[in-house]
Amino acid sequence: MVLARSVISEVVVVVPAKDEEDLLPACLESVLRAARVLAEEAPAVGVGVTLLLDGCTDGSAGVAARWPQVRAVHAEAGGAGAARRLAVEHALVQAASRAERVWIATTDADSRVPRDWLVEHLALAESGVGLVLGTVEPDPADLDAERLAAWHAAHRLADGHGHVFGANLGVRADAYLAAGGFPVRSSGEDTALALAVKALGVRWRATDGCRVVTSGRLRGRARGGFADYLTASAPLPSA
């Protein structure tokens, strides 16, 4: 199944969050900045931001309330895959355009996207790409030099890279739906979706053109998630 190229008229950004009150402000600021830049570059393209608050017990909801432009959804998803899936479902319900004209961009609540993030995603989408796999790097302020060097040694951050990061992934909505969406699993939902979309014959691009910075914390929210990549190079001390 090969999906035809289509002009994008709407971009929906989805962000799952699990007790991220400390890092969420920087995330939302960066996402909304990217949305403003897109509005300047492509004023005919609508942009919406959906934040999925997954059973948060901290002040994440209060943080989200500071930005009325962000649609905050409260749910008990119970994991990364379910949270991403629910966030996309809510975003697409609100979308005014047909699925083939909607671009889904995903990031994480502990991440900061660059100002041209959505512009780069849209440019690739308009070129006929149906899946964008962007790069992510840990915040160097969070890691010692040895662990940071080890992470970069194990991850090729360049165009044509072989990684999948949910914190920097884009997919056209019709391809997303045809692939079955994010699977409900505790980790690896981003890789599973990417494989399913590729299996449809959709054109895709692995790019380093809009790199996202994510938290370099060593104890993450999801087993098998980004924090586990970091700790693999050097074990955490025993508690």
C-alpha atoms as a PDB file:
ATOM      1  CA  MET A   1       0.000   0.000   0.000  1.00  0.00           C
ATOM      2  CA  VAL A   2       1.568   3.294  -1.114  1.00  0.00           C
ATOM      3  CA  LEU A   3      -0.118   6.457   0.110  1.00  0.00           C
ATOM      4  CA  ALA A   4      -0.244   9.338  -2.336  1.00  0.00           C
ATOM      5  CA  ARG A   5       1.438  12.663  -1.703  1.00  0.00           C
ATOM      6  CA  SER A   6      -0.858  15.323  -0.259  1.00  0.00           C
ATOM      7  CA  VAL A   7      -0.587  18.981   0.726  1.00  0.00           C
ATOM      8  CA  ILE A   8      -0.502  19.477   4.502  1.00  0.00           C
ATOM      9  CA  SER A   9      -3.019  21.983   5.865  1.00  0.00           C
ATOM     10  CA  GLU A  10      -2.749  21.207   9.576  1.00  0.00           C
ATOM     11  CA  VAL A  11      -0.024  20.172  12.033  1.00  0.00           C
ATOM     12  CA  VAL A  12      -0.845  18.574  15.377  1.00  0.00           C
ATOM     13  CA  VAL A  13       1.833  18.304  18.046  1.00  0.00           C
ATOM     14  CA  VAL A  14       1.368  15.629  20.705  1.00  0.00           C
ATOM     15  CA  VAL A  15       3.256  15.499  24.006  1.00  0.00           C
ATOM     16  CA  PRO A  16       2.774  12.787  26.666  1.00  0.00           C
ATOM     17  CA  ALA A  17       3.705  13.785  30.217  1.00  0.00           C
ATOM     18  CA  LYS A  18       4.087  11.789  33.436  1.00  0.00           C
ATOM     19  CA  ASP A  19       4.937  13.969  36.464  1.00  0.00           C
ATOM     20  CA  GLU A  20       7.087  16.442  34.532  1.00  0.00           C
ATOM     21  CA  GLU A  21       6.379  19.737  36.295  1.00  0.00           C
ATOM     22  CA  ASP A  22      10.068  20.686  36.402  1.00  0.00           C
ATOM     23  CA  LEU A  23      10.871  20.103  32.733  1.00  0.00           C
ATOM     24  CA  LEU A  24       7.451  20.719  31.177  1.00  0.00           C
ATOM     25  CA  PRO A  25       7.714  24.537  31.061  1.00  0.00           C
ATOM     26  CA  ALA A  26      10.800  24.484  28.838  1.00  0.00           C
ATOM     27  CA  CYS A  27       9.186  21.842  26.640  1.00  0.00           C
ATOM     28  CA  LEU A  28       5.983  23.792  26.083  1.00  0.00           C
ATOM     29  CA  GLU A  29       7.853  27.049  25.552  1.00  0.00           C
ATOM     30  CA  SER A  30       9.947  25.433  22.833  1.00  0.00           C
ATOM     31  CA  VAL A  31       6.956  23.757  21.163  1.00  0.00           C
ATOM     32  CA  LEU A  32       4.929  26.971  21.107  1.00  0.00           C
ATOM     33  CA  ARG A  33       7.936  28.889  19.777  1.00  0.00           C
ATOM     34  CA  ALA A  34       8.208  26.324  16.967  1.00  0.00           C
ATOM     35  CA  ALA A  35       4.472  26.753  16.326  1.00  0.00           C
ATOM     36  CA  ARG A  36       4.886  30.535  16.043  1.00  0.00           C
ATOM     37  CA  VAL A  37       7.768  30.130  13.602  1.00  0.00           C
ATOM     38  CA  LEU A  38       5.664  27.777  11.499  1.00  0.00           C
ATOM     39  CA  ALA A  39       2.783  30.259  11.541  1.00  0.00           C
ATOM     40  CA  GLU A  40       5.145  32.936  10.222  1.00  0.00           C
ATOM     41  CA  GLU A  41       6.573  30.682   7.504  1.00  0.00           C
ATOM     42  CA  ALA A  42       3.311  28.970   6.505  1.00  0.00           C
ATOM     43  CA  PRO A  43       0.370  31.081   7.727  1.00  0.00           C
ATOM     44  CA  ALA A  44      -2.167  28.908   5.893  1.00  0.00           C
ATOM     45  CA  VAL A  45      -1.217  25.844   7.947  1.00  0.00           C
ATOM     46  CA  GLY A  46      -3.048  25.395  11.247  1.00  0.00           C
ATOM     47  CA  VAL A  47      -1.180  24.235  14.354  1.00  0.00           C
ATOM     48  CA  GLY A  48      -2.508  22.590  17.517  1.00  0.00           C
ATOM     49  CA  VAL A  49      -0.745  21.240  20.600  1.00  0.00           C
ATOM     50  CA  THR A  50      -2.156  18.388  22.701  1.00  0.00           C
ATOM     51  CA  LEU A  51      -0.614  17.499  26.062  1.00  0.00           C
ATOM     52  CA  LEU A  52      -1.581  14.126  27.547  1.00  0.00           C
ATOM     53  CA  LEU A  53      -1.227  14.229  31.340  1.00  0.00           C
ATOM     54  CA  ASP A  54      -0.838  10.551  32.196  1.00  0.00           C
ATOM     55  CA  GLY A  55      -2.002  10.123  35.779  1.00  0.00           C
ATOM     56  CA  CYS A  56       0.129  13.045  36.942  1.00  0.00           C
ATOM     57  CA  THR A  57       0.255  13.530  40.711  1.00  0.00           C
ATOM     58  CA  ASP A  58       2.607  16.521  40.696  1.00  0.00           C
ATOM     59  CA  GLY A  59       2.053  20.059  39.450  1.00  0.00           C
ATOM     60  CA  SER A  60       2.113  19.260  35.717  1.00  0.00           C
ATOM     61  CA  ALA A  61      -1.547  20.229  35.288  1.00  0.00           C
ATOM     62  CA  GLY A  62      -0.878  23.615  36.847  1.00  0.00           C
ATOM     63  CA  VAL A  63       2.064  24.127  34.534  1.00  0.00           C
ATOM     64  CA  ALA A  64      -0.071  23.299  31.501  1.00  0.00           C
ATOM     65  CA  ALA A  65      -2.722  25.789  32.621  1.00  0.00           C
ATOM     66  CA  ARG A  66      -0.238  28.627  32.073  1.00  0.00           C
ATOM     67  CA  TRP A  67      -0.530  28.104  28.323  1.00  0.00           C
ATOM     68  CA  PRO A  68      -4.167  28.268  27.162  1.00  0.00           C
ATOM     69  CA  GLN A  69      -2.970  27.495  23.610  1.00  0.00           C
ATOM     70  CA  VAL A  70      -2.149  23.961  24.789  1.00  0.00           C
ATOM     71  CA  ARG A  71      -4.990  21.444  24.931  1.00  0.00           C
ATOM     72  CA  ALA A  72      -4.369  19.459  28.146  1.00  0.00           C
ATOM     73  CA  VAL A  73      -6.016  16.045  28.391  1.00  0.00           C
ATOM     74  CA  HIS A  74      -6.123  14.129  31.681  1.00  0.00           C
ATOM     75  CA  ALA A  75      -6.022  10.328  31.439  1.00  0.00           C
ATOM     76  CA  GLU A  76      -4.767   7.218  33.161  1.00  0.00           C
ATOM     77  CA  ALA A  77      -2.852   5.819  30.201  1.00  0.00           C
ATOM     78  CA  GLY A  78      -0.366   3.935  32.343  1.00  0.00           C
ATOM     79  CA  GLY A  79       2.550   3.893  29.921  1.00  0.00           C
ATOM     80  CA  ALA A  80       4.368   5.561  27.039  1.00  0.00           C
ATOM     81  CA  GLY A  81       2.653   3.743  24.194  1.00  0.00           C
ATOM     82  CA  ALA A  82      -0.856   4.229  25.544  1.00  0.00           C
ATOM     83  CA  ALA A  83      -0.143   7.882  26.372  1.00  0.00           C
ATOM     84  CA  ARG A  84       1.115   8.660  22.876  1.00  0.00           C
ATOM     85  CA  ARG A  85      -1.804   6.792  21.331  1.00  0.00           C
ATOM     86  CA  LEU A  86      -4.390   8.658  23.434  1.00  0.00           C
ATOM     87  CA  ALA A  87      -2.718  11.992  22.740  1.00  0.00           C
ATOM     88  CA  VAL A  88      -2.909  11.399  18.993  1.00  0.00           C
ATOM     89  CA  GLU A  89      -6.532  10.254  19.227  1.00  0.00           C
ATOM     90  CA  HIS A  90      -7.523  13.453  21.009  1.00  0.00           C
ATOM     91  CA  ALA A  91      -5.510  15.597  18.594  1.00  0.00           C
ATOM     92  CA  LEU A  92      -7.081  14.020  15.516  1.00  0.00           C
ATOM     93  CA  VAL A  93     -10.596  14.395  16.903  1.00  0.00           C
ATOM     94  CA  GLN A  94      -9.945  18.135  17.126  1.00  0.00           C
ATOM     95  CA  ALA A  95      -8.311  18.375  13.696  1.00  0.00           C
ATOM     96  CA  ALA A  96     -10.390  20.138  11.071  1.00  0.00           C
ATOM     97  CA  SER A  97      -8.674  18.596   8.039  1.00  0.00           C
ATOM     98  CA  ARG A  98      -8.848  15.172   6.417  1.00  0.00           C
ATOM     99  CA  ALA A  99      -6.236  12.701   7.632  1.00  0.00           C
ATOM    100  CA  GLU A 100      -4.159  12.918   4.448  1.00  0.00           C
ATOM    101  CA  ARG A 101      -3.737  16.650   5.060  1.00  0.00           C
ATOM    102  CA  VAL A 102      -2.740  16.398   8.745  1.00  0.00           C
ATOM    103  CA  TRP A 103       0.829  16.034   9.991  1.00  0.00           C
ATOM    104  CA  ILE A 104       1.441  14.547  13.458  1.00  0.00           C
ATOM    105  CA  ALA A 105       4.625  15.676  15.236  1.00  0.00           C
ATOM    106  CA  THR A 106       5.571  14.013  18.515  1.00  0.00           C
ATOM    107  CA  THR A 107       7.957  14.968  21.275  1.00  0.00           C
ATOM    108  CA  ASP A 108       8.344  14.339  25.016  1.00  0.00           C
ATOM    109  CA  ALA A 109       7.657  16.492  28.058  1.00  0.00           C
ATOM    110  CA  ASP A 110      11.314  16.370  29.121  1.00  0.00           C
ATOM    111  CA  SER A 111      12.540  17.608  25.738  1.00  0.00           C
ATOM    112  CA  ARG A 112      13.120  20.925  23.973  1.00  0.00           C
ATOM    113  CA  VAL A 113      12.546  21.240  20.246  1.00  0.00           C
ATOM    114  CA  PRO A 114      14.444  23.727  18.035  1.00  0.00           C
ATOM    115  CA  ARG A 115      12.681  26.815  16.702  1.00  0.00           C
ATOM    116  CA  ASP A 116      12.570  25.439  13.135  1.00  0.00           C
ATOM    117  CA  TRP A 117      11.349  21.989  14.228  1.00  0.00           C
ATOM    118  CA  LEU A 118       7.909  22.186  12.676  1.00  0.00           C
ATOM    119  CA  VAL A 119       9.136  24.093   9.626  1.00  0.00           C
ATOM    120  CA  GLU A 120      11.568  21.253   8.889  1.00  0.00           C
ATOM    121  CA  HIS A 121       8.896  18.612   9.431  1.00  0.00           C
ATOM    122  CA  LEU A 122       6.466  20.440   7.146  1.00  0.00           C
ATOM    123  CA  ALA A 123       9.068  20.884   4.406  1.00  0.00           C
ATOM    124  CA  LEU A 124       9.722  17.146   4.361  1.00  0.00           C
ATOM    125  CA  ALA A 125       6.004  16.375   4.440  1.00  0.00           C
ATOM    126  CA  GLU A 126       5.363  18.714   1.511  1.00  0.00           C
ATOM    127  CA  SER A 127       8.123  16.972  -0.452  1.00  0.00           C
ATOM    128  CA  GLY A 128       6.113  13.752  -0.259  1.00  0.00           C
ATOM    129  CA  VAL A 129       7.666  12.166   2.830  1.00  0.00           C
ATOM    130  CA  GLY A 130       5.103  10.430   5.041  1.00  0.00           C
ATOM    131  CA  LEU A 131       7.365   9.583   7.994  1.00  0.00           C
ATOM    132  CA  VAL A 132      10.135  11.687   9.542  1.00  0.00           C
ATOM    133  CA  LEU A 133      12.593  10.169  11.999  1.00  0.00           C
ATOM    134  CA  GLY A 134      14.481  12.987  13.669  1.00  0.00           C
ATOM    135  CA  THR A 135      17.467  12.901  15.986  1.00  0.00           C
ATOM    136  CA  VAL A 136      17.666  13.503  19.728  1.00  0.00           C
ATOM    137  CA  GLU A 137      20.633  14.202  21.982  1.00  0.00           C
ATOM    138  CA  PRO A 138      20.859  14.300  25.784  1.00  0.00           C
ATOM    139  CA  ASP A 139      21.251  17.655  27.476  1.00  0.00           C
ATOM    140  CA  PRO A 140      25.004  17.968  28.091  1.00  0.00           C
ATOM    141  CA  ALA A 141      24.289  19.876  31.304  1.00  0.00           C
ATOM    142  CA  ASP A 142      22.855  16.678  32.810  1.00  0.00           C
ATOM    143  CA  LEU A 143      25.735  14.272  32.146  1.00  0.00           C
ATOM    144  CA  ASP A 144      29.393  13.899  32.951  1.00  0.00           C
ATOM    145  CA  ALA A 145      31.806  14.020  30.017  1.00  0.00           C
ATOM    146  CA  GLU A 146      32.458  10.267  30.016  1.00  0.00           C
ATOM    147  CA  ARG A 147      28.831   9.231  29.826  1.00  0.00           C
ATOM    148  CA  LEU A 148      28.026  11.924  27.243  1.00  0.00           C
ATOM    149  CA  ALA A 149      30.918  10.782  25.050  1.00  0.00           C
ATOM    150  CA  ALA A 150      29.818   7.165  25.357  1.00  0.00           C
ATOM    151  CA  TRP A 151      26.299   8.031  24.296  1.00  0.00           C
ATOM    152  CA  HIS A 152      27.446   9.943  21.232  1.00  0.00           C
ATOM    153  CA  ALA A 153      29.821   7.143  20.305  1.00  0.00           C
ATOM    154  CA  ALA A 154      26.870   4.742  20.191  1.00  0.00           C
ATOM    155  CA  HIS A 155      24.497   7.033  18.284  1.00  0.00           C
ATOM    156  CA  ARG A 156      25.115   8.357  14.790  1.00  0.00           C
ATOM    157  CA  LEU A 157      23.417  11.742  14.625  1.00  0.00           C
ATOM    158  CA  ALA A 158      23.398  12.560  10.916  1.00  0.00           C
ATOM    159  CA  ASP A 159      21.086  12.392   7.937  1.00  0.00           C
ATOM    160  CA  GLY A 160      20.347   8.758   7.177  1.00  0.00           C
ATOM    161  CA  HIS A 161      20.787   7.692  10.806  1.00  0.00           C
ATOM    162  CA  GLY A 162      19.318   4.413  12.015  1.00  0.00           C
ATOM    163  CA  HIS A 163      17.499   5.584  15.149  1.00  0.00           C
ATOM    164  CA  VAL A 164      13.860   6.117  16.117  1.00  0.00           C
ATOM    165  CA  PHE A 165      13.043   8.599  18.873  1.00  0.00           C
ATOM    166  CA  GLY A 166       9.494   9.358  19.946  1.00  0.00           C
ATOM    167  CA  ALA A 167      10.770  12.761  21.077  1.00  0.00           C
ATOM    168  CA  ASN A 168      11.345  13.702  17.426  1.00  0.00           C
ATOM    169  CA  LEU A 169       9.028  11.816  15.107  1.00  0.00           C
ATOM    170  CA  GLY A 170       6.586  12.985  12.476  1.00  0.00           C
ATOM    171  CA  VAL A 171       4.022  11.074  10.445  1.00  0.00           C
ATOM    172  CA  ARG A 172       1.146  11.932   8.169  1.00  0.00           C
ATOM    173  CA  ALA A 173      -2.140  11.081   9.828  1.00  0.00           C
ATOM    174  CA  ASP A 174      -3.420   8.771   7.084  1.00  0.00           C
ATOM    175  CA  ALA A 175      -0.207   6.740   7.263  1.00  0.00           C
ATOM    176  CA  TYR A 176      -0.416   6.693  11.058  1.00  0.00           C
ATOM    177  CA  LEU A 177      -3.973   5.361  10.973  1.00  0.00           C
ATOM    178  CA  ALA A 178      -3.252   2.831   8.232  1.00  0.00           C
ATOM    179  CA  ALA A 179      -0.337   1.502  10.324  1.00  0.00           C
ATOM    180  CA  GLY A 180      -2.556   1.043  13.373  1.00  0.00           C
ATOM    181  CA  GLY A 181      -1.142   3.913  15.407  1.00  0.00           C
ATOM    182  CA  PHE A 182       1.173   3.728  18.399  1.00  0.00           C
ATOM    183  CA  PRO A 183       0.874   0.295  20.001  1.00  0.00           C
ATOM    184  CA  VAL A 184      -0.016   0.109  23.691  1.00  0.00           C
ATOM    185  CA  ARG A 185       3.296  -0.986  25.191  1.00  0.00           C
ATOM    186  CA  SER A 186       5.605   0.298  27.914  1.00  0.00           C
ATOM    187  CA  SER A 187       8.484   1.084  25.548  1.00  0.00           C
ATOM    188  CA  GLY A 188       9.471   0.763  21.916  1.00  0.00           C
ATOM    189  CA  GLU A 189       6.136   2.091  20.672  1.00  0.00           C
ATOM    190  CA  ASP A 190       7.935   4.627  18.476  1.00  0.00           C
ATOM    191  CA  THR A 191      10.048   1.959  16.768  1.00  0.00           C
ATOM    192  CA  ALA A 192       7.027  -0.302  16.294  1.00  0.00           C
ATOM    193  CA  LEU A 193       5.061   2.501  14.646  1.00  0.00           C
ATOM    194  CA  ALA A 194       7.956   3.403  12.361  1.00  0.00           C
ATOM    195  CA  LEU A 195       8.295  -0.206  11.206  1.00  0.00           C
ATOM    196  CA  ALA A 196       4.552  -0.463  10.553  1.00  0.00           C
ATOM    197  CA  VAL A 197       4.508   2.759   8.524  1.00  0.00           C
ATOM    198  CA  LYS A 198       7.532   1.689   6.479  1.00  0.00           C
ATOM    199  CA  ALA A 199       5.805  -1.622   5.755  1.00  0.00           C
ATOM    200  CA  LEU A 200       3.046   0.345   3.983  1.00  0.00           C
ATOM    201  CA  GLY A 201       5.558   1.562   1.420  1.00  0.00           C
ATOM    202  CA  VAL A 202       5.393   5.133   2.690  1.00  0.00           C
ATOM    203  CA  ARG A 203       8.316   7.382   1.774  1.00  0.00           C
ATOM    204  CA  TRP A 204      10.335   8.199   4.865  1.00  0.00           C
ATOM    205  CA  ARG A 205      13.367  10.225   5.871  1.00  0.00           C
ATOM    206  CA  ALA A 206      15.850   9.937   8.727  1.00  0.00           C
ATOM    207  CA  THR A 207      17.089  13.466   9.303  1.00  0.00           C
ATOM    208  CA  ASP A 208      19.408  15.382  11.605  1.00  0.00           C
ATOM    209  CA  GLY A 209      18.042  18.684  10.396  1.00  0.00           C
ATOM    210  CA  CYS A 210      15.921  19.472  13.472  1.00  0.00           C
ATOM    211  CA  ARG A 211      17.670  17.843  16.427  1.00  0.00           C
ATOM    212  CA  VAL A 212      15.807  17.792  19.751  1.00  0.00           C
ATOM    213  CA  VAL A 213      17.485  18.079  23.158  1.00  0.00           C
ATOM    214  CA  THR A 214      16.106  15.802  25.838  1.00  0.00           C
ATOM    215  CA  SER A 215      16.748  15.295  29.525  1.00  0.00           C
ATOM    216  CA  GLY A 216      19.939  13.472  30.413  1.00  0.00           C
ATOM    217  CA  ARG A 217      18.492  12.086  33.622  1.00  0.00           C
ATOM    218  CA  LEU A 218      19.569   8.541  34.419  1.00  0.00           C
ATOM    219  CA  ARG A 219      16.334   7.359  35.980  1.00  0.00           C
ATOM    220  CA  GLY A 220      13.524   7.771  33.515  1.00  0.00           C
ATOM    221  CA  ARG A 221       9.748   7.359  33.541  1.00  0.00           C
ATOM    222  CA  ALA A 222       9.601   4.303  31.246  1.00  0.00           C
ATOM    223  CA  ARG A 223      11.612   1.092  31.328  1.00  0.00           C
ATOM    224  CA  GLY A 224      13.509   0.736  28.065  1.00  0.00           C
ATOM    225  CA  GLY A 225      13.236   4.462  27.430  1.00  0.00           C
ATOM    226  CA  PHE A 226      15.834   7.147  26.781  1.00  0.00           C
ATOM    227  CA  ALA A 227      17.306   7.039  30.294  1.00  0.00           C
ATOM    228  CA  ASP A 228      18.142   3.371  29.814  1.00  0.00           C
ATOM    229  CA  TYR A 229      20.233   4.276  26.772  1.00  0.00           C
ATOM    230  CA  LEU A 230      22.267   6.555  28.998  1.00  0.00           C
ATOM    231  CA  THR A 231      22.754   4.162  31.882  1.00  0.00           C
ATOM    232  CA  ALA A 232      23.776   1.306  29.569  1.00  0.00           C
ATOM    233  CA  SER A 233      27.209   2.864  29.128  1.00  0.00           C
ATOM    234  CA  ALA A 234      27.828   3.252  32.874  1.00  0.00           C
ATOM    235  CA  PRO A 235      25.668   1.614  35.580  1.00  0.00           C
ATOM    236  CA  LEU A 236      24.070   3.703  38.248  1.00  0.00           C
ATOM    237  CA  PRO A 237      25.420   3.243  41.783  1.00  0.00           C
ATOM    238  CA  SER A 238      23.426   0.981  44.067  1.00  0.00           C
ATOM    239  CA  ALA A 239      20.795   2.662  46.185  1.00  0.00           C
END
